[in-house]
Amino acid sequence: MVAVNYPFIEGHESKHRPGLIASTERLHATHGLYVVAMVTTARAGVRKDDVQIGDWRKAGLPNPCVVRAARLVTMNEAMIGRRVGTLTSKDRNAVAAMLKAYLH
């Protein structure tokens, strides 16, 4: 879990929020890029493909949040802020399963 300025879909603005680095180190080593998934409180509503972060405190989050699997962006290292926390194995596996459903 890292701090990022996550872009809005419209592409004109961004919002400082946590993000989950969803790509492997291989992408970073080869291209200097990361795939980042949006993390949100989902106050406007949870979507069926959102993955609830069970241990949100360990993830470094101030409130319960979800990983929004349908909202992925590619960022370079300069766009990635400080590390805020880590996901538990259970949360990481749940996110990986949802991403696999979309990406494989």
PDB file of N, CA and C in Angstrom:
ATOM      1  N   MET A   1       0.858  -1.161   0.000  1.00  0.00           N
ATOM      2  CA  MET A   1       0.000   0.000   0.000  1.00  0.00           C
ATOM      3  C   MET A   1       0.906   1.227   0.000  1.00  0.00           C
ATOM      4  N   VAL A   2       0.607   2.134  -0.917  1.00  0.00           N
ATOM      5  CA  VAL A   2       1.401   3.347  -1.069  1.00  0.00           C
ATOM      6  C   VAL A   2       0.476   4.553  -1.204  1.00  0.00           C
ATOM      7  N   ALA A   3       1.025   5.732  -0.987  1.00  0.00           N
ATOM      8  CA  ALA A   3       0.284   6.974  -1.208  1.00  0.00           C
ATOM      9  C   ALA A   3       0.529   7.415  -2.646  1.00  0.00           C
ATOM     10  N   VAL A   4      -0.537   7.783  -3.349  1.00  0.00           N
ATOM     11  CA  VAL A   4      -0.418   8.221  -4.742  1.00  0.00           C
ATOM     12  C   VAL A   4      -1.431   9.332  -5.018  1.00  0.00           C
ATOM     13  N   ASN A   5      -1.212  10.056  -6.095  1.00  0.00           N
ATOM     14  CA  ASN A   5      -2.235  10.949  -6.637  1.00  0.00           C
ATOM     15  C   ASN A   5      -2.943  10.158  -7.718  1.00  0.00           C
ATOM     16  N   TYR A   6      -4.093   9.603  -7.367  1.00  0.00           N
ATOM     17  CA  TYR A   6      -4.807   8.705  -8.276  1.00  0.00           C
ATOM     18  C   TYR A   6      -5.669   9.529  -9.228  1.00  0.00           C
ATOM     19  N   PRO A   7      -5.482   9.338 -10.538  1.00  0.00           N
ATOM     20  CA  PRO A   7      -6.217  10.150 -11.509  1.00  0.00           C
ATOM     21  C   PRO A   7      -7.690   9.762 -11.607  1.00  0.00           C
ATOM     22  N   PHE A   8      -8.535  10.766 -11.842  1.00  0.00           N
ATOM     23  CA  PHE A   8      -9.935  10.506 -12.145  1.00  0.00           C
ATOM     24  C   PHE A   8     -10.030   9.975 -13.571  1.00  0.00           C
ATOM     25  N   ILE A   9     -11.079   9.256 -13.879  1.00  0.00           N
ATOM     26  CA  ILE A   9     -11.254   8.674 -15.215  1.00  0.00           C
ATOM     27  C   ILE A   9     -11.221   9.756 -16.289  1.00  0.00           C
ATOM     28  N   GLU A  10     -11.776  10.915 -15.987  1.00  0.00           N
ATOM     29  CA  GLU A  10     -11.817  12.006 -16.957  1.00  0.00           C
ATOM     30  C   GLU A  10     -10.418  12.503 -17.316  1.00  0.00           C
ATOM     31  N   GLY A  11      -9.442  12.225 -16.454  1.00  0.00           N
ATOM     32  CA  GLY A  11      -8.058  12.546 -16.747  1.00  0.00           C
ATOM     33  C   GLY A  11      -7.618  13.969 -16.469  1.00  0.00           C
ATOM     34  N   HIS A  12      -8.484  14.800 -15.894  1.00  0.00           N
ATOM     35  CA  HIS A  12      -8.137  16.200 -15.674  1.00  0.00           C
ATOM     36  C   HIS A  12      -7.641  16.490 -14.269  1.00  0.00           C
ATOM     37  N   GLU A  13      -8.027  15.683 -13.328  1.00  0.00           N
ATOM     38  CA  GLU A  13      -7.674  15.911 -11.936  1.00  0.00           C
ATOM     39  C   GLU A  13      -7.268  14.589 -11.291  1.00  0.00           C
ATOM     40  N   SER A  14      -6.751  14.707 -10.077  1.00  0.00           N
ATOM     41  CA  SER A  14      -6.400  13.512  -9.322  1.00  0.00           C
ATOM     42  C   SER A  14      -6.731  13.749  -7.856  1.00  0.00           C
ATOM     43  N   LYS A  15      -6.706  12.682  -7.092  1.00  0.00           N
ATOM     44  CA  LYS A  15      -6.986  12.767  -5.661  1.00  0.00           C
ATOM     45  C   LYS A  15      -5.914  11.997  -4.913  1.00  0.00           C
ATOM     46  N   HIS A  16      -5.363  12.616  -3.868  1.00  0.00           N
ATOM     47  CA  HIS A  16      -4.369  11.945  -3.040  1.00  0.00           C
ATOM     48  C   HIS A  16      -5.091  10.861  -2.251  1.00  0.00           C
ATOM     49  N   ARG A  17      -4.642   9.624  -2.428  1.00  0.00           N
ATOM     50  CA  ARG A  17      -5.296   8.493  -1.774  1.00  0.00           C
ATOM     51  C   ARG A  17      -4.324   7.318  -1.713  1.00  0.00           C
ATOM     52  N   PRO A  18      -4.659   6.300  -0.936  1.00  0.00           N
ATOM     53  CA  PRO A  18      -3.823   5.102  -0.965  1.00  0.00           C
ATOM     54  C   PRO A  18      -4.063   4.320  -2.242  1.00  0.00           C
ATOM     55  N   GLY A  19      -3.049   3.596  -2.648  1.00  0.00           N
ATOM     56  CA  GLY A  19      -3.155   2.719  -3.809  1.00  0.00           C
ATOM     57  C   GLY A  19      -2.423   1.419  -3.506  1.00  0.00           C
ATOM     58  N   LEU A  20      -2.821   0.386  -4.190  1.00  0.00           N
ATOM     59  CA  LEU A  20      -2.188  -0.916  -4.008  1.00  0.00           C
ATOM     60  C   LEU A  20      -1.360  -1.234  -5.247  1.00  0.00           C
ATOM     61  N   ILE A  21      -0.069  -1.427  -5.060  1.00  0.00           N
ATOM     62  CA  ILE A  21       0.761  -1.855  -6.182  1.00  0.00           C
ATOM     63  C   ILE A  21       0.379  -3.297  -6.502  1.00  0.00           C
ATOM     64  N   ALA A  22      -0.183  -3.483  -7.695  1.00  0.00           N
ATOM     65  CA  ALA A  22      -0.718  -4.781  -8.084  1.00  0.00           C
ATOM     66  C   ALA A  22       0.185  -5.528  -9.058  1.00  0.00           C
ATOM     67  N   SER A  23       1.242  -4.882  -9.523  1.00  0.00           N
ATOM     68  CA  SER A  23       2.135  -5.516 -10.491  1.00  0.00           C
ATOM     69  C   SER A  23       3.325  -6.161  -9.794  1.00  0.00           C
ATOM     70  N   THR A  24       4.032  -6.954 -10.550  1.00  0.00           N
ATOM     71  CA  THR A  24       5.211  -7.626 -10.025  1.00  0.00           C
ATOM     72  C   THR A  24       6.441  -6.729 -10.150  1.00  0.00           C
ATOM     73  N   GLU A  25       7.483  -7.104  -9.480  1.00  0.00           N
ATOM     74  CA  GLU A  25       8.751  -6.365  -9.576  1.00  0.00           C
ATOM     75  C   GLU A  25       9.312  -6.447 -10.995  1.00  0.00           C
ATOM     76  N   ARG A  26       8.941  -7.480 -11.730  1.00  0.00           N
ATOM     77  CA  ARG A  26       9.437  -7.628 -13.109  1.00  0.00           C
ATOM     78  C   ARG A  26       9.030  -6.438 -13.982  1.00  0.00           C
ATOM     79  N   LEU A  27       7.802  -5.967 -13.870  1.00  0.00           N
ATOM     80  CA  LEU A  27       7.358  -4.809 -14.653  1.00  0.00           C
ATOM     81  C   LEU A  27       8.189  -3.586 -14.305  1.00  0.00           C
ATOM     82  N   HIS A  28       8.427  -3.391 -13.020  1.00  0.00           N
ATOM     83  CA  HIS A  28       9.228  -2.248 -12.592  1.00  0.00           C
ATOM     84  C   HIS A  28      10.661  -2.365 -13.081  1.00  0.00           C
ATOM     85  N   ALA A  29      11.248  -3.547 -12.947  1.00  0.00           N
ATOM     86  CA  ALA A  29      12.638  -3.743 -13.361  1.00  0.00           C
ATOM     87  C   ALA A  29      12.807  -3.570 -14.872  1.00  0.00           C
ATOM     88  N   THR A  30      11.826  -4.007 -15.639  1.00  0.00           N
ATOM     89  CA  THR A  30      11.918  -3.955 -17.094  1.00  0.00           C
ATOM     90  C   THR A  30      11.555  -2.590 -17.664  1.00  0.00           C
ATOM     91  N   HIS A  31      10.520  -1.960 -17.106  1.00  0.00           N
ATOM     92  CA  HIS A  31       9.993  -0.725 -17.693  1.00  0.00           C
ATOM     93  C   HIS A  31       9.951   0.471 -16.749  1.00  0.00           C
ATOM     94  N   GLY A  32      10.282   0.265 -15.483  1.00  0.00           N
ATOM     95  CA  GLY A  32      10.213   1.359 -14.520  1.00  0.00           C
ATOM     96  C   GLY A  32       8.793   1.783 -14.205  1.00  0.00           C
ATOM     97  N   LEU A  33       7.851   0.845 -14.319  1.00  0.00           N
ATOM     98  CA  LEU A  33       6.429   1.156 -14.125  1.00  0.00           C
ATOM     99  C   LEU A  33       5.802   0.232 -13.085  1.00  0.00           C
ATOM    100  N   TYR A  34       4.682   0.705 -12.538  1.00  0.00           N
ATOM    101  CA  TYR A  34       3.868  -0.082 -11.615  1.00  0.00           C
ATOM    102  C   TYR A  34       2.417  -0.036 -12.089  1.00  0.00           C
ATOM    103  N   VAL A  35       1.678  -1.106 -11.878  1.00  0.00           N
ATOM    104  CA  VAL A  35       0.228  -1.089 -12.029  1.00  0.00           C
ATOM    105  C   VAL A  35      -0.332  -0.899 -10.623  1.00  0.00           C
ATOM    106  N   VAL A  36      -1.179   0.125 -10.467  1.00  0.00           N
ATOM    107  CA  VAL A  36      -1.701   0.486  -9.154  1.00  0.00           C
ATOM    108  C   VAL A  36      -3.229   0.396  -9.168  1.00  0.00           C
ATOM    109  N   ALA A  37      -3.777  -0.264  -8.165  1.00  0.00           N
ATOM    110  CA  ALA A  37      -5.226  -0.373  -8.002  1.00  0.00           C
ATOM    111  C   ALA A  37      -5.714   0.684  -7.026  1.00  0.00           C
ATOM    112  N   MET A  38      -6.866   1.262  -7.324  1.00  0.00           N
ATOM    113  CA  MET A  38      -7.455   2.276  -6.453  1.00  0.00           C
ATOM    114  C   MET A  38      -7.896   1.655  -5.128  1.00  0.00           C
ATOM    115  N   VAL A  39      -7.681   2.395  -4.051  1.00  0.00           N
ATOM    116  CA  VAL A  39      -8.184   2.031  -2.733  1.00  0.00           C
ATOM    117  C   VAL A  39      -9.105   3.160  -2.299  1.00  0.00           C
ATOM    118  N   THR A  40     -10.306   2.813  -1.849  1.00  0.00           N
ATOM    119  CA  THR A  40     -11.311   3.813  -1.522  1.00  0.00           C
ATOM    120  C   THR A  40     -12.175   3.355  -0.352  1.00  0.00           C
ATOM    121  N   THR A  41     -12.778   4.326   0.321  1.00  0.00           N
ATOM    122  CA  THR A  41     -13.736   3.988   1.377  1.00  0.00           C
ATOM    123  C   THR A  41     -15.064   3.534   0.782  1.00  0.00           C
ATOM    124  N   ALA A  42     -15.287   3.812  -0.479  1.00  0.00           N
ATOM    125  CA  ALA A  42     -16.515   3.431  -1.195  1.00  0.00           C
ATOM    126  C   ALA A  42     -17.754   4.017  -0.536  1.00  0.00           C
ATOM    127  N   ARG A  43     -17.640   5.246  -0.079  1.00  0.00           N
ATOM    128  CA  ARG A  43     -18.795   5.899   0.555  1.00  0.00           C
ATOM    129  C   ARG A  43     -19.977   6.030  -0.392  1.00  0.00           C
ATOM    130  N   ALA A  44     -19.695   6.154  -1.679  1.00  0.00           N
ATOM    131  CA  ALA A  44     -20.772   6.276  -2.667  1.00  0.00           C
ATOM    132  C   ALA A  44     -21.382   4.916  -3.018  1.00  0.00           C
ATOM    133  N   GLY A  45     -20.818   3.857  -2.481  1.00  0.00           N
ATOM    134  CA  GLY A  45     -21.362   2.529  -2.727  1.00  0.00           C
ATOM    135  C   GLY A  45     -20.294   1.523  -3.119  1.00  0.00           C
ATOM    136  N   VAL A  46     -20.424   0.330  -2.584  1.00  0.00           N
ATOM    137  CA  VAL A  46     -19.502  -0.757  -2.889  1.00  0.00           C
ATOM    138  C   VAL A  46     -19.967  -1.430  -4.169  1.00  0.00           C
ATOM    139  N   ARG A  47     -19.019  -1.754  -5.022  1.00  0.00           N
ATOM    140  CA  ARG A  47     -19.314  -2.458  -6.272  1.00  0.00           C
ATOM    141  C   ARG A  47     -19.097  -3.953  -6.072  1.00  0.00           C
ATOM    142  N   LYS A  48     -19.722  -4.770  -6.917  1.00  0.00           N
ATOM    143  CA  LYS A  48     -19.647  -6.219  -6.734  1.00  0.00           C
ATOM    144  C   LYS A  48     -18.226  -6.757  -6.845  1.00  0.00           C
ATOM    145  N   ASP A  49     -17.347  -6.044  -7.551  1.00  0.00           N
ATOM    146  CA  ASP A  49     -15.978  -6.518  -7.709  1.00  0.00           C
ATOM    147  C   ASP A  49     -14.984  -5.818  -6.784  1.00  0.00           C
ATOM    148  N   ASP A  50     -15.465  -5.002  -5.865  1.00  0.00           N
ATOM    149  CA  ASP A  50     -14.594  -4.413  -4.851  1.00  0.00           C
ATOM    150  C   ASP A  50     -14.164  -5.498  -3.876  1.00  0.00           C
ATOM    151  N   VAL A  51     -12.940  -5.404  -3.405  1.00  0.00           N
ATOM    152  CA  VAL A  51     -12.429  -6.375  -2.436  1.00  0.00           C
ATOM    153  C   VAL A  51     -12.223  -5.658  -1.112  1.00  0.00           C
ATOM    154  N   GLN A  52     -12.977  -6.060  -0.110  1.00  0.00           N
ATOM    155  CA  GLN A  52     -12.888  -5.463   1.215  1.00  0.00           C
ATOM    156  C   GLN A  52     -11.527  -5.773   1.833  1.00  0.00           C
ATOM    157  N   ILE A  53     -10.870  -4.766   2.365  1.00  0.00           N
ATOM    158  CA  ILE A  53      -9.603  -4.976   3.074  1.00  0.00           C
ATOM    159  C   ILE A  53      -9.948  -5.309   4.515  1.00  0.00           C
ATOM    160  N   GLY A  54      -9.742  -6.563   4.882  1.00  0.00           N
ATOM    161  CA  GLY A  54     -10.123  -7.028   6.215  1.00  0.00           C
ATOM    162  C   GLY A  54      -9.331  -6.356   7.326  1.00  0.00           C
ATOM    163  N   ASP A  55      -8.029  -6.348   7.222  1.00  0.00           N
ATOM    164  CA  ASP A  55      -7.173  -5.736   8.243  1.00  0.00           C
ATOM    165  C   ASP A  55      -6.692  -4.376   7.729  1.00  0.00           C
ATOM    166  N   TRP A  56      -7.617  -3.415   7.725  1.00  0.00           N
ATOM    167  CA  TRP A  56      -7.317  -2.101   7.158  1.00  0.00           C
ATOM    168  C   TRP A  56      -6.301  -1.327   7.995  1.00  0.00           C
ATOM    169  N   ARG A  57      -6.187  -1.629   9.258  1.00  0.00           N
ATOM    170  CA  ARG A  57      -5.181  -0.939  10.086  1.00  0.00           C
ATOM    171  C   ARG A  57      -3.768  -1.373   9.693  1.00  0.00           C
ATOM    172  N   LYS A  58      -3.573  -2.674   9.483  1.00  0.00           N
ATOM    173  CA  LYS A  58      -2.262  -3.173   9.055  1.00  0.00           C
ATOM    174  C   LYS A  58      -1.901  -2.608   7.678  1.00  0.00           C
ATOM    175  N   ALA A  59      -2.921  -2.375   6.872  1.00  0.00           N
ATOM    176  CA  ALA A  59      -2.705  -1.808   5.536  1.00  0.00           C
ATOM    177  C   ALA A  59      -2.354  -0.321   5.613  1.00  0.00           C
ATOM    178  N   GLY A  60      -2.377   0.247   6.823  1.00  0.00           N
ATOM    179  CA  GLY A  60      -2.012   1.654   7.004  1.00  0.00           C
ATOM    180  C   GLY A  60      -3.123   2.623   6.680  1.00  0.00           C
ATOM    181  N   LEU A  61      -4.357   2.140   6.738  1.00  0.00           N
ATOM    182  CA  LEU A  61      -5.500   2.967   6.370  1.00  0.00           C
ATOM    183  C   LEU A  61      -6.207   3.513   7.604  1.00  0.00           C
ATOM    184  N   PRO A  62      -6.705   4.743   7.549  1.00  0.00           N
ATOM    185  CA  PRO A  62      -7.375   5.325   8.705  1.00  0.00           C
ATOM    186  C   PRO A  62      -8.814   4.837   8.888  1.00  0.00           C
ATOM    187  N   ASN A  63      -9.392   4.242   7.823  1.00  0.00           N
ATOM    188  CA  ASN A  63     -10.780   3.777   7.838  1.00  0.00           C
ATOM    189  C   ASN A  63     -10.895   2.490   7.025  1.00  0.00           C
ATOM    190  N   PRO A  64     -11.983   1.739   7.216  1.00  0.00           N
ATOM    191  CA  PRO A  64     -12.205   0.574   6.360  1.00  0.00           C
ATOM    192  C   PRO A  64     -12.257   0.994   4.892  1.00  0.00           C
ATOM    193  N   CYS A  65     -11.646   0.191   4.037  1.00  0.00           N
ATOM    194  CA  CYS A  65     -11.569   0.507   2.608  1.00  0.00           C
ATOM    195  C   CYS A  65     -11.701  -0.750   1.775  1.00  0.00           C
ATOM    196  N   VAL A  66     -11.862  -0.522   0.475  1.00  0.00           N
ATOM    197  CA  VAL A  66     -11.879  -1.609  -0.502  1.00  0.00           C
ATOM    198  C   VAL A  66     -10.830  -1.327  -1.560  1.00  0.00           C
ATOM    199  N   VAL A  67     -10.366  -2.401  -2.194  1.00  0.00           N
ATOM    200  CA  VAL A  67      -9.546  -2.279  -3.398  1.00  0.00           C
ATOM    201  C   VAL A  67     -10.520  -2.351  -4.560  1.00  0.00           C
ATOM    202  N   ARG A  68     -10.511  -1.347  -5.400  1.00  0.00           N
ATOM    203  CA  ARG A  68     -11.414  -1.293  -6.553  1.00  0.00           C
ATOM    204  C   ARG A  68     -10.689  -1.920  -7.742  1.00  0.00           C
ATOM    205  N   ALA A  69     -10.950  -3.199  -7.956  1.00  0.00           N
ATOM    206  CA  ALA A  69     -10.236  -3.977  -8.965  1.00  0.00           C
ATOM    207  C   ALA A  69     -10.464  -3.466 -10.386  1.00  0.00           C
ATOM    208  N   ALA A  70     -11.559  -2.783 -10.618  1.00  0.00           N
ATOM    209  CA  ALA A  70     -11.850  -2.272 -11.955  1.00  0.00           C
ATOM    210  C   ALA A  70     -11.141  -0.950 -12.248  1.00  0.00           C
ATOM    211  N   ARG A  71     -10.427  -0.411 -11.278  1.00  0.00           N
ATOM    212  CA  ARG A  71      -9.752   0.873 -11.467  1.00  0.00           C
ATOM    213  C   ARG A  71      -8.242   0.695 -11.307  1.00  0.00           C
ATOM    214  N   LEU A  72      -7.586   0.380 -12.407  1.00  0.00           N
ATOM    215  CA  LEU A  72      -6.140   0.189 -12.444  1.00  0.00           C
ATOM    216  C   LEU A  72      -5.511   1.279 -13.295  1.00  0.00           C
ATOM    217  N   VAL A  73      -4.350   1.763 -12.865  1.00  0.00           N
ATOM    218  CA  VAL A  73      -3.582   2.724 -13.663  1.00  0.00           C
ATOM    219  C   VAL A  73      -2.113   2.308 -13.651  1.00  0.00           C
ATOM    220  N   THR A  74      -1.385   2.793 -14.647  1.00  0.00           N
ATOM    221  CA  THR A  74       0.050   2.568 -14.715  1.00  0.00           C
ATOM    222  C   THR A  74       0.736   3.846 -14.261  1.00  0.00           C
ATOM    223  N   MET A  75       1.695   3.708 -13.349  1.00  0.00           N
ATOM    224  CA  MET A  75       2.420   4.854 -12.808  1.00  0.00           C
ATOM    225  C   MET A  75       3.914   4.586 -12.830  1.00  0.00           C
ATOM    226  N   ASN A  76       4.687   5.663 -12.989  1.00  0.00           N
ATOM    227  CA  ASN A  76       6.133   5.504 -12.873  1.00  0.00           C
ATOM    228  C   ASN A  76       6.546   5.738 -11.425  1.00  0.00           C
ATOM    229  N   GLU A  77       7.795   5.495 -11.142  1.00  0.00           N
ATOM    230  CA  GLU A  77       8.281   5.565  -9.760  1.00  0.00           C
ATOM    231  C   GLU A  77       8.097   6.943  -9.132  1.00  0.00           C
ATOM    232  N   ALA A  78       8.232   7.996  -9.933  1.00  0.00           N
ATOM    233  CA  ALA A  78       8.081   9.358  -9.418  1.00  0.00           C
ATOM    234  C   ALA A  78       6.659   9.639  -8.940  1.00  0.00           C
ATOM    235  N   MET A  79       5.698   8.875  -9.419  1.00  0.00           N
ATOM    236  CA  MET A  79       4.290   9.072  -9.052  1.00  0.00           C
ATOM    237  C   MET A  79       3.899   8.309  -7.792  1.00  0.00           C
ATOM    238  N   ILE A  80       4.782   7.435  -7.336  1.00  0.00           N
ATOM    239  CA  ILE A  80       4.519   6.612  -6.158  1.00  0.00           C
ATOM    240  C   ILE A  80       5.084   7.299  -4.928  1.00  0.00           C
ATOM    241  N   GLY A  81       4.219   7.519  -3.948  1.00  0.00           N
ATOM    242  CA  GLY A  81       4.655   8.163  -2.713  1.00  0.00           C
ATOM    243  C   GLY A  81       5.139   7.152  -1.696  1.00  0.00           C
ATOM    244  N   ARG A  82       5.055   7.527  -0.466  1.00  0.00           N
ATOM    245  CA  ARG A  82       5.562   6.695   0.621  1.00  0.00           C
ATOM    246  C   ARG A  82       4.707   5.436   0.813  1.00  0.00           C
ATOM    247  N   ARG A  83       5.335   4.448   1.369  1.00  0.00           N
ATOM    248  CA  ARG A  83       4.627   3.223   1.721  1.00  0.00           C
ATOM    249  C   ARG A  83       3.794   3.507   2.968  1.00  0.00           C
ATOM    250  N   VAL A  84       2.541   3.060   2.971  1.00  0.00           N
ATOM    251  CA  VAL A  84       1.681   3.317   4.122  1.00  0.00           C
ATOM    252  C   VAL A  84       1.388   2.060   4.932  1.00  0.00           C
ATOM    253  N   GLY A  85       1.531   0.884   4.327  1.00  0.00           N
ATOM    254  CA  GLY A  85       1.252  -0.350   5.047  1.00  0.00           C
ATOM    255  C   GLY A  85       1.309  -1.535   4.106  1.00  0.00           C
ATOM    256  N   THR A  86       0.882  -2.686   4.607  1.00  0.00           N
ATOM    257  CA  THR A  86       0.882  -3.908   3.801  1.00  0.00           C
ATOM    258  C   THR A  86      -0.433  -4.657   3.995  1.00  0.00           C
ATOM    259  N   LEU A  87      -0.788  -5.425   3.000  1.00  0.00           N
ATOM    260  CA  LEU A  87      -1.968  -6.278   3.109  1.00  0.00           C
ATOM    261  C   LEU A  87      -1.593  -7.596   3.781  1.00  0.00           C
ATOM    262  N   THR A  88      -2.535  -8.164   4.497  1.00  0.00           N
ATOM    263  CA  THR A  88      -2.334  -9.506   5.028  1.00  0.00           C
ATOM    264  C   THR A  88      -2.358 -10.487   3.861  1.00  0.00           C
ATOM    265  N   SER A  89      -1.888 -11.685   4.087  1.00  0.00           N
ATOM    266  CA  SER A  89      -1.922 -12.715   3.036  1.00  0.00           C
ATOM    267  C   SER A  89      -3.348 -12.969   2.569  1.00  0.00           C
ATOM    268  N   LYS A  90      -4.281 -13.006   3.501  1.00  0.00           N
ATOM    269  CA  LYS A  90      -5.687 -13.243   3.153  1.00  0.00           C
ATOM    270  C   LYS A  90      -6.212 -12.136   2.240  1.00  0.00           C
ATOM    271  N   ASP A  91      -5.943 -10.884   2.584  1.00  0.00           N
ATOM    272  CA  ASP A  91      -6.396  -9.764   1.757  1.00  0.00           C
ATOM    273  C   ASP A  91      -5.693  -9.766   0.401  1.00  0.00           C
ATOM    274  N   ARG A  92      -4.410 -10.035   0.412  1.00  0.00           N
ATOM    275  CA  ARG A  92      -3.633 -10.070  -0.834  1.00  0.00           C
ATOM    276  C   ARG A  92      -4.159 -11.154  -1.771  1.00  0.00           C
ATOM    277  N   ASN A  93      -4.479 -12.332  -1.230  1.00  0.00           N
ATOM    278  CA  ASN A  93      -5.009 -13.416  -2.047  1.00  0.00           C
ATOM    279  C   ASN A  93      -6.384 -13.080  -2.618  1.00  0.00           C
ATOM    280  N   ALA A  94      -7.211 -12.395  -1.840  1.00  0.00           N
ATOM    281  CA  ALA A  94      -8.539 -12.000  -2.313  1.00  0.00           C
ATOM    282  C   ALA A  94      -8.429 -11.001  -3.464  1.00  0.00           C
ATOM    283  N   VAL A  95      -7.523 -10.033  -3.335  1.00  0.00           N
ATOM    284  CA  VAL A  95      -7.307  -9.060  -4.412  1.00  0.00           C
ATOM    285  C   VAL A  95      -6.754  -9.765  -5.652  1.00  0.00           C
ATOM    286  N   ALA A  96      -5.783 -10.652  -5.464  1.00  0.00           N
ATOM    287  CA  ALA A  96      -5.184 -11.368  -6.593  1.00  0.00           C
ATOM    288  C   ALA A  96      -6.233 -12.185  -7.342  1.00  0.00           C
ATOM    289  N   ALA A  97      -7.142 -12.815  -6.629  1.00  0.00           N
ATOM    290  CA  ALA A  97      -8.186 -13.618  -7.271  1.00  0.00           C
ATOM    291  C   ALA A  97      -9.106 -12.740  -8.111  1.00  0.00           C
ATOM    292  N   MET A  98      -9.470 -11.573  -7.603  1.00  0.00           N
ATOM    293  CA  MET A  98     -10.348 -10.681  -8.359  1.00  0.00           C
ATOM    294  C   MET A  98      -9.633 -10.134  -9.584  1.00  0.00           C
ATOM    295  N   LEU A  99      -8.377  -9.735  -9.423  1.00  0.00           N
ATOM    296  CA  LEU A  99      -7.617  -9.220 -10.569  1.00  0.00           C
ATOM    297  C   LEU A  99      -7.435 -10.306 -11.628  1.00  0.00           C
ATOM    298  N   LYS A 100      -7.211 -11.529 -11.190  1.00  0.00           N
ATOM    299  CA  LYS A 100      -7.039 -12.627 -12.136  1.00  0.00           C
ATOM    300  C   LYS A 100      -8.303 -12.832 -12.963  1.00  0.00           C
ATOM    301  N   ALA A 101      -9.456 -12.644 -12.340  1.00  0.00           N
ATOM    302  CA  ALA A 101     -10.718 -12.799 -13.068  1.00  0.00           C
ATOM    303  C   ALA A 101     -10.825 -11.775 -14.203  1.00  0.00           C
ATOM    304  N   TYR A 102     -10.233 -10.620 -14.040  1.00  0.00           N
ATOM    305  CA  TYR A 102     -10.287  -9.567 -15.060  1.00  0.00           C
ATOM    306  C   TYR A 102      -9.124  -9.610 -16.030  1.00  0.00           C
ATOM    307  N   LEU A 103      -7.978 -10.089 -15.605  1.00  0.00           N
ATOM    308  CA  LEU A 103      -6.775  -9.947 -16.407  1.00  0.00           C
ATOM    309  C   LEU A 103      -6.319 -11.228 -17.083  1.00  0.00           C
ATOM    310  N   HIS A 104      -6.910 -12.348 -16.787  1.00  0.00           N
ATOM    311  CA  HIS A 104      -6.464 -13.607 -17.404  1.00  0.00           C
ATOM    312  C   HIS A 104      -7.529 -14.201 -18.264  1.00  0.00           C
TER     313      HIS A 104
END
